[in-house]
């Protein structure tokens, strides 16, 4: 039982460190392109509303543990 708890703590700490160094992931709506293409005119596109055209959004742990970066990848100074 204690071994399982130790492994869980190591995995959790590893994830928090990973989120601190790599806070962003690809946007699931635009698949990281920053653009959403039209369904009728395939050549037309607009900026993605979820990531504001950046193609990246905060990972879940970034918002929960560190308060988020507003999808910029840089944390605010305290």
PDB file of N, CA and C in Angstrom:
ATOM      1  N   UNK A   1       0.817  -1.197   0.000  1.00  0.00           N
ATOM      2  CA  UNK A   1       0.000   0.000   0.000  1.00  0.00           C
ATOM      3  C   UNK A   1       0.860   1.259   0.000  1.00  0.00           C
ATOM      4  N   UNK A   2       1.890   1.268   0.839  1.00  0.00           N
ATOM      5  CA  UNK A   2       2.773   2.428   0.918  1.00  0.00           C
ATOM      6  C   UNK A   2       3.544   2.645  -0.370  1.00  0.00           C
ATOM      7  N   UNK A   3       3.861   1.546  -1.071  1.00  0.00           N
ATOM      8  CA  UNK A   3       4.587   1.640  -2.340  1.00  0.00           C
ATOM      9  C   UNK A   3       3.740   2.324  -3.407  1.00  0.00           C
ATOM     10  N   UNK A   4       2.447   2.020  -3.425  1.00  0.00           N
ATOM     11  CA  UNK A   4       1.534   2.626  -4.394  1.00  0.00           C
ATOM     12  C   UNK A   4       1.405   4.126  -4.142  1.00  0.00           C
ATOM     13  N   UNK A   5       1.320   4.508  -2.887  1.00  0.00           N
ATOM     14  CA  UNK A   5       1.234   5.925  -2.529  1.00  0.00           C
ATOM     15  C   UNK A   5       2.511   6.652  -2.934  1.00  0.00           C
ATOM     16  N   UNK A   6       3.658   6.036  -2.707  1.00  0.00           N
ATOM     17  CA  UNK A   6       4.934   6.634  -3.089  1.00  0.00           C
ATOM     18  C   UNK A   6       5.011   6.843  -4.600  1.00  0.00           C
ATOM     19  N   UNK A   7       4.603   5.866  -5.373  1.00  0.00           N
ATOM     20  CA  UNK A   7       4.595   5.985  -6.836  1.00  0.00           C
ATOM     21  C   UNK A   7       3.639   7.099  -7.278  1.00  0.00           C
ATOM     22  N   UNK A   8       2.477   7.182  -6.651  1.00  0.00           N
ATOM     23  CA  UNK A   8       1.503   8.226  -6.994  1.00  0.00           C
ATOM     24  C   UNK A   8       2.062   9.615  -6.710  1.00  0.00           C
ATOM     25  N   UNK A   9       2.761   9.779  -5.605  1.00  0.00           N
ATOM     26  CA  UNK A   9       3.362  11.068  -5.259  1.00  0.00           C
ATOM     27  C   UNK A   9       4.451  11.431  -6.263  1.00  0.00           C
ATOM     28  N   UNK A  10       5.256  10.473  -6.662  1.00  0.00           N
ATOM     29  CA  UNK A  10       6.320  10.727  -7.635  1.00  0.00           C
ATOM     30  C   UNK A  10       5.726  11.146  -8.981  1.00  0.00           C
ATOM     31  N   UNK A  11       4.661  10.476  -9.410  1.00  0.00           N
ATOM     32  CA  UNK A  11       4.002  10.826 -10.672  1.00  0.00           C
ATOM     33  C   UNK A  11       3.397  12.224 -10.588  1.00  0.00           C
ATOM     34  N   UNK A  12       2.762  12.552  -9.474  1.00  0.00           N
ATOM     35  CA  UNK A  12       2.145  13.864  -9.304  1.00  0.00           C
ATOM     36  C   UNK A  12       3.194  14.975  -9.318  1.00  0.00           C
ATOM     37  N   UNK A  13       4.281  14.797  -8.604  1.00  0.00           N
ATOM     38  CA  UNK A  13       5.350  15.801  -8.584  1.00  0.00           C
ATOM     39  C   UNK A  13       5.958  15.946  -9.981  1.00  0.00           C
ATOM     40  N   UNK A  14       6.137  14.835 -10.679  1.00  0.00           N
ATOM     41  CA  UNK A  14       6.658  14.886 -12.044  1.00  0.00           C
ATOM     42  C   UNK A  14       5.749  15.664 -12.976  1.00  0.00           C
ATOM     43  N   UNK A  15       4.441  15.489 -12.828  1.00  0.00           N
ATOM     44  CA  UNK A  15       3.484  16.220 -13.670  1.00  0.00           C
ATOM     45  C   UNK A  15       3.520  17.714 -13.364  1.00  0.00           C
ATOM     46  N   UNK A  16       3.599  18.076 -12.093  1.00  0.00           N
ATOM     47  CA  UNK A  16       3.652  19.498 -11.718  1.00  0.00           C
ATOM     48  C   UNK A  16       4.913  20.148 -12.276  1.00  0.00           C
ATOM     49  N   UNK A  17       6.043  19.462 -12.202  1.00  0.00           N
ATOM     50  CA  UNK A  17       7.291  19.999 -12.767  1.00  0.00           C
ATOM     51  C   UNK A  17       7.159  20.131 -14.282  1.00  0.00           C
ATOM     52  N   UNK A  18       6.550  19.141 -14.930  1.00  0.00           N
ATOM     53  CA  UNK A  18       6.354  19.183 -16.381  1.00  0.00           C
ATOM     54  C   UNK A  18       5.473  20.363 -16.790  1.00  0.00           C
ATOM     55  N   UNK A  19       4.421  20.611 -16.031  1.00  0.00           N
ATOM     56  CA  UNK A  19       3.522  21.728 -16.324  1.00  0.00           C
ATOM     57  C   UNK A  19       4.239  23.062 -16.146  1.00  0.00           C
ATOM     58  N   UNK A  20       5.112  23.143 -15.167  1.00  0.00           N
ATOM     59  CA  UNK A  20       5.843  24.393 -14.932  1.00  0.00           C
ATOM     60  C   UNK A  20       6.769  24.730 -16.100  1.00  0.00           C
ATOM     61  N   UNK A  21       7.437  23.725 -16.668  1.00  0.00           N
ATOM     62  CA  UNK A  21       8.376  23.967 -17.760  1.00  0.00           C
ATOM     63  C   UNK A  21       7.702  23.977 -19.132  1.00  0.00           C
ATOM     64  N   UNK A  22       6.577  23.284 -19.282  1.00  0.00           N
ATOM     65  CA  UNK A  22       5.855  23.213 -20.554  1.00  0.00           C
ATOM     66  C   UNK A  22       4.369  23.468 -20.305  1.00  0.00           C
ATOM     67  N   UNK A  23       3.965  24.747 -20.136  1.00  0.00           N
ATOM     68  CA  UNK A  23       2.595  25.049 -19.726  1.00  0.00           C
ATOM     69  C   UNK A  23       1.543  24.983 -20.834  1.00  0.00           C
ATOM     70  N   UNK A  24       1.928  24.861 -22.097  1.00  0.00           N
ATOM     71  CA  UNK A  24       0.960  24.918 -23.189  1.00  0.00           C
ATOM     72  C   UNK A  24       0.793  23.579 -23.897  1.00  0.00           C
ATOM     73  N   UNK A  25      -0.355  23.417 -24.548  1.00  0.00           N
ATOM     74  CA  UNK A  25      -0.621  22.263 -25.404  1.00  0.00           C
ATOM     75  C   UNK A  25      -1.310  22.779 -26.658  1.00  0.00           C
ATOM     76  N   UNK A  26      -1.424  21.920 -27.682  1.00  0.00           N
ATOM     77  CA  UNK A  26      -2.103  22.316 -28.904  1.00  0.00           C
ATOM     78  C   UNK A  26      -3.586  22.516 -28.638  1.00  0.00           C
ATOM     79  N   UNK A  27      -4.154  23.495 -29.285  1.00  0.00           N
ATOM     80  CA  UNK A  27      -5.585  23.765 -29.170  1.00  0.00           C
ATOM     81  C   UNK A  27      -6.353  22.611 -29.803  1.00  0.00           C
ATOM     82  N   UNK A  28      -7.354  22.099 -29.107  1.00  0.00           N
ATOM     83  CA  UNK A  28      -8.126  20.977 -29.624  1.00  0.00           C
ATOM     84  C   UNK A  28      -9.127  21.409 -30.694  1.00  0.00           C
ATOM     85  N   UNK A  29      -9.502  22.669 -30.715  1.00  0.00           N
ATOM     86  CA  UNK A  29     -10.476  23.146 -31.692  1.00  0.00           C
ATOM     87  C   UNK A  29      -9.853  23.307 -33.076  1.00  0.00           C
ATOM     88  N   UNK A  30      -8.702  23.981 -33.149  1.00  0.00           N
ATOM     89  CA  UNK A  30      -8.068  24.248 -34.451  1.00  0.00           C
ATOM     90  C   UNK A  30      -6.895  23.316 -34.724  1.00  0.00           C
ATOM     91  N   UNK A  31      -6.608  22.400 -33.827  1.00  0.00           N
ATOM     92  CA  UNK A  31      -5.523  21.421 -33.945  1.00  0.00           C
ATOM     93  C   UNK A  31      -4.146  22.082 -34.040  1.00  0.00           C
ATOM     94  N   UNK A  32      -3.984  23.239 -33.408  1.00  0.00           N
ATOM     95  CA  UNK A  32      -2.692  23.908 -33.342  1.00  0.00           C
ATOM     96  C   UNK A  32      -2.385  24.840 -34.496  1.00  0.00           C
ATOM     97  N   UNK A  33      -3.311  25.020 -35.433  1.00  0.00           N
ATOM     98  CA  UNK A  33      -3.045  25.897 -36.573  1.00  0.00           C
ATOM     99  C   UNK A  33      -3.414  27.344 -36.283  1.00  0.00           C
ATOM    100  N   UNK A  34      -4.334  27.573 -35.362  1.00  0.00           N
ATOM    101  CA  UNK A  34      -4.792  28.925 -35.065  1.00  0.00           C
ATOM    102  C   UNK A  34      -5.881  29.400 -36.012  1.00  0.00           C
ATOM    103  N   UNK A  35      -6.265  28.554 -36.971  1.00  0.00           N
ATOM    104  CA  UNK A  35      -7.263  28.942 -37.963  1.00  0.00           C
ATOM    105  C   UNK A  35      -8.381  27.909 -38.046  1.00  0.00           C
ATOM    106  N   UNK A  36      -9.586  28.385 -38.291  1.00  0.00           N
ATOM    107  CA  UNK A  36     -10.735  27.525 -38.550  1.00  0.00           C
ATOM    108  C   UNK A  36     -11.192  27.789 -39.978  1.00  0.00           C
ATOM    109  N   UNK A  37     -11.223  26.751 -40.782  1.00  0.00           N
ATOM    110  CA  UNK A  37     -11.573  26.886 -42.194  1.00  0.00           C
ATOM    111  C   UNK A  37     -13.070  26.778 -42.389  1.00  0.00           C
ATOM    112  N   UNK A  38     -13.572  27.433 -43.422  1.00  0.00           N
ATOM    113  CA  UNK A  38     -14.987  27.422 -43.735  1.00  0.00           C
ATOM    114  C   UNK A  38     -15.435  26.079 -44.287  1.00  0.00           C
ATOM    115  N   UNK A  39     -16.710  25.787 -44.144  1.00  0.00           N
ATOM    116  CA  UNK A  39     -17.226  24.518 -44.653  1.00  0.00           C
ATOM    117  C   UNK A  39     -17.667  24.643 -46.109  1.00  0.00           C
ATOM    118  N   UNK A  40     -18.091  25.816 -46.529  1.00  0.00           N
ATOM    119  CA  UNK A  40     -18.535  26.012 -47.903  1.00  0.00           C
ATOM    120  C   UNK A  40     -17.362  26.419 -48.797  1.00  0.00           C
ATOM    121  N   UNK A  41     -16.630  27.433 -48.391  1.00  0.00           N
ATOM    122  CA  UNK A  41     -15.455  27.887 -49.129  1.00  0.00           C
ATOM    123  C   UNK A  41     -14.221  27.404 -48.386  1.00  0.00           C
ATOM    124  N   UNK A  42     -13.620  26.353 -48.877  1.00  0.00           N
ATOM    125  CA  UNK A  42     -12.526  25.684 -48.172  1.00  0.00           C
ATOM    126  C   UNK A  42     -11.280  26.549 -48.030  1.00  0.00           C
ATOM    127  N   UNK A  43     -11.109  27.548 -48.851  1.00  0.00           N
ATOM    128  CA  UNK A  43      -9.926  28.407 -48.780  1.00  0.00           C
ATOM    129  C   UNK A  43     -10.063  29.543 -47.787  1.00  0.00           C
ATOM    130  N   UNK A  44     -11.264  29.793 -47.312  1.00  0.00           N
ATOM    131  CA  UNK A  44     -11.472  30.894 -46.368  1.00  0.00           C
ATOM    132  C   UNK A  44     -11.319  30.389 -44.933  1.00  0.00           C
ATOM    133  N   UNK A  45     -10.824  31.249 -44.086  1.00  0.00           N
ATOM    134  CA  UNK A  45     -10.646  30.866 -42.692  1.00  0.00           C
ATOM    135  C   UNK A  45     -10.759  32.077 -41.787  1.00  0.00           C
ATOM    136  N   UNK A  46     -10.891  31.798 -40.505  1.00  0.00           N
ATOM    137  CA  UNK A  46     -10.908  32.844 -39.476  1.00  0.00           C
ATOM    138  C   UNK A  46     -10.049  32.381 -38.313  1.00  0.00           C
ATOM    139  N   UNK A  47      -9.733  33.322 -37.422  1.00  0.00           N
ATOM    140  CA  UNK A  47      -8.948  32.966 -36.239  1.00  0.00           C
ATOM    141  C   UNK A  47      -9.776  32.101 -35.305  1.00  0.00           C
ATOM    142  N   UNK A  48      -9.119  31.172 -34.649  1.00  0.00           N
ATOM    143  CA  UNK A  48      -9.787  30.307 -33.678  1.00  0.00           C
ATOM    144  C   UNK A  48     -10.190  31.141 -32.459  1.00  0.00           C
ATOM    145  N   UNK A  49     -11.413  30.985 -32.012  1.00  0.00           N
ATOM    146  CA  UNK A  49     -11.898  31.746 -30.862  1.00  0.00           C
ATOM    147  C   UNK A  49     -11.408  31.199 -29.527  1.00  0.00           C
ATOM    148  N   UNK A  50     -11.082  29.914 -29.485  1.00  0.00           N
ATOM    149  CA  UNK A  50     -10.650  29.311 -28.223  1.00  0.00           C
ATOM    150  C   UNK A  50      -9.230  29.740 -27.859  1.00  0.00           C
ATOM    151  N   UNK A  51      -8.324  29.737 -28.845  1.00  0.00           N
ATOM    152  CA  UNK A  51      -6.920  30.073 -28.569  1.00  0.00           C
ATOM    153  C   UNK A  51      -6.550  31.455 -29.090  1.00  0.00           C
ATOM    154  N   UNK A  52      -7.506  32.189 -29.645  1.00  0.00           N
ATOM    155  CA  UNK A  52      -7.311  33.527 -30.204  1.00  0.00           C
ATOM    156  C   UNK A  52      -6.259  33.544 -31.311  1.00  0.00           C
ATOM    157  N   UNK A  53      -6.212  32.480 -32.092  1.00  0.00           N
ATOM    158  CA  UNK A  53      -5.313  32.425 -33.231  1.00  0.00           C
ATOM    159  C   UNK A  53      -3.893  32.012 -32.915  1.00  0.00           C
ATOM    160  N   UNK A  54      -3.585  31.663 -31.682  1.00  0.00           N
ATOM    161  CA  UNK A  54      -2.225  31.270 -31.310  1.00  0.00           C
ATOM    162  C   UNK A  54      -1.944  29.794 -31.589  1.00  0.00           C
ATOM    163  N   UNK A  55      -2.956  28.963 -31.505  1.00  0.00           N
ATOM    164  CA  UNK A  55      -2.785  27.535 -31.726  1.00  0.00           C
ATOM    165  C   UNK A  55      -2.399  26.781 -30.465  1.00  0.00           C
ATOM    166  N   UNK A  56      -2.297  27.491 -29.344  1.00  0.00           N
ATOM    167  CA  UNK A  56      -1.906  26.863 -28.086  1.00  0.00           C
ATOM    168  C   UNK A  56      -2.818  27.328 -26.962  1.00  0.00           C
ATOM    169  N   UNK A  57      -3.093  26.425 -26.029  1.00  0.00           N
ATOM    170  CA  UNK A  57      -3.874  26.753 -24.835  1.00  0.00           C
ATOM    171  C   UNK A  57      -3.168  26.183 -23.609  1.00  0.00           C
ATOM    172  N   UNK A  58      -3.524  26.675 -22.428  1.00  0.00           N
ATOM    173  CA  UNK A  58      -2.931  26.193 -21.181  1.00  0.00           C
ATOM    174  C   UNK A  58      -3.296  24.740 -20.919  1.00  0.00           C
ATOM    175  N   UNK A  59      -2.357  23.983 -20.384  1.00  0.00           N
ATOM    176  CA  UNK A  59      -2.650  22.631 -19.932  1.00  0.00           C
ATOM    177  C   UNK A  59      -3.480  22.707 -18.657  1.00  0.00           C
ATOM    178  N   UNK A  60      -4.147  21.620 -18.313  1.00  0.00           N
ATOM    179  CA  UNK A  60      -5.028  21.605 -17.153  1.00  0.00           C
ATOM    180  C   UNK A  60      -4.267  21.969 -15.874  1.00  0.00           C
ATOM    181  N   UNK A  61      -3.116  21.412 -15.656  1.00  0.00           N
ATOM    182  CA  UNK A  61      -2.364  21.689 -14.441  1.00  0.00           C
ATOM    183  C   UNK A  61      -1.866  23.116 -14.352  1.00  0.00           C
ATOM    184  N   UNK A  62      -1.695  23.770 -15.484  1.00  0.00           N
ATOM    185  CA  UNK A  62      -1.234  25.158 -15.484  1.00  0.00           C
ATOM    186  C   UNK A  62      -2.252  26.055 -14.802  1.00  0.00           C
ATOM    187  N   UNK A  63      -3.516  25.849 -15.104  1.00  0.00           N
ATOM    188  CA  UNK A  63      -4.562  26.667 -14.499  1.00  0.00           C
ATOM    189  C   UNK A  63      -4.810  26.285 -13.048  1.00  0.00           C
ATOM    190  N   UNK A  64      -4.785  25.004 -12.749  1.00  0.00           N
ATOM    191  CA  UNK A  64      -5.115  24.530 -11.406  1.00  0.00           C
ATOM    192  C   UNK A  64      -4.007  24.863 -10.408  1.00  0.00           C
ATOM    193  N   UNK A  65      -2.761  24.574 -10.756  1.00  0.00           N
ATOM    194  CA  UNK A  65      -1.657  24.719  -9.814  1.00  0.00           C
ATOM    195  C   UNK A  65      -1.070  26.124  -9.814  1.00  0.00           C
ATOM    196  N   UNK A  66      -0.867  26.705 -11.017  1.00  0.00           N
ATOM    197  CA  UNK A  66      -0.149  27.973 -11.115  1.00  0.00           C
ATOM    198  C   UNK A  66      -1.025  29.166 -11.480  1.00  0.00           C
ATOM    199  N   UNK A  67      -2.306  28.976 -11.686  1.00  0.00           N
ATOM    200  CA  UNK A  67      -3.206  30.085 -11.987  1.00  0.00           C
ATOM    201  C   UNK A  67      -3.325  30.425 -13.460  1.00  0.00           C
ATOM    202  N   UNK A  68      -2.628  29.740 -14.328  1.00  0.00           N
ATOM    203  CA  UNK A  68      -2.748  29.937 -15.771  1.00  0.00           C
ATOM    204  C   UNK A  68      -1.810  30.996 -16.310  1.00  0.00           C
ATOM    205  N   UNK A  69      -1.647  30.967 -17.633  1.00  0.00           N
ATOM    206  CA  UNK A  69      -0.791  31.939 -18.318  1.00  0.00           C
ATOM    207  C   UNK A  69      -1.580  32.741 -19.339  1.00  0.00           C
ATOM    208  N   UNK A  70      -2.899  32.588 -19.384  1.00  0.00           N
ATOM    209  CA  UNK A  70      -3.769  33.204 -20.377  1.00  0.00           C
ATOM    210  C   UNK A  70      -3.322  32.826 -21.794  1.00  0.00           C
ATOM    211  N   UNK A  71      -2.878  31.571 -21.964  1.00  0.00           N
ATOM    212  CA  UNK A  71      -2.472  30.978 -23.238  1.00  0.00           C
ATOM    213  C   UNK A  71      -1.252  31.651 -23.860  1.00  0.00           C
ATOM    214  N   UNK A  72      -0.417  32.302 -23.055  1.00  0.00           N
ATOM    215  CA  UNK A  72       0.789  32.937 -23.590  1.00  0.00           C
ATOM    216  C   UNK A  72       2.034  32.119 -23.315  1.00  0.00           C
ATOM    217  N   UNK A  73       2.028  31.272 -22.311  1.00  0.00           N
ATOM    218  CA  UNK A  73       3.183  30.470 -21.982  1.00  0.00           C
ATOM    219  C   UNK A  73       4.125  31.109 -20.987  1.00  0.00           C
ATOM    220  N   UNK A  74       3.823  32.319 -20.536  1.00  0.00           N
ATOM    221  CA  UNK A  74       4.669  32.986 -19.540  1.00  0.00           C
ATOM    222  C   UNK A  74       3.845  33.240 -18.285  1.00  0.00           C
ATOM    223  N   UNK A  75       4.423  32.907 -17.158  1.00  0.00           N
ATOM    224  CA  UNK A  75       3.751  33.115 -15.883  1.00  0.00           C
ATOM    225  C   UNK A  75       3.963  34.542 -15.403  1.00  0.00           C
ATOM    226  N   UNK A  76       2.969  35.086 -14.721  1.00  0.00           N
ATOM    227  CA  UNK A  76       3.084  36.429 -14.171  1.00  0.00           C
ATOM    228  C   UNK A  76       4.036  36.434 -12.977  1.00  0.00           C
ATOM    229  N   UNK A  77       4.766  37.511 -12.840  1.00  0.00           N
ATOM    230  CA  UNK A  77       5.651  37.671 -11.684  1.00  0.00           C
ATOM    231  C   UNK A  77       4.809  38.010 -10.466  1.00  0.00           C
ATOM    232  N   UNK A  78       5.164  37.445  -9.332  1.00  0.00           N
ATOM    233  CA  UNK A  78       4.398  37.694  -8.108  1.00  0.00           C
ATOM    234  C   UNK A  78       4.951  38.862  -7.355  1.00  0.00           C
TER     235      UNK A  78
END
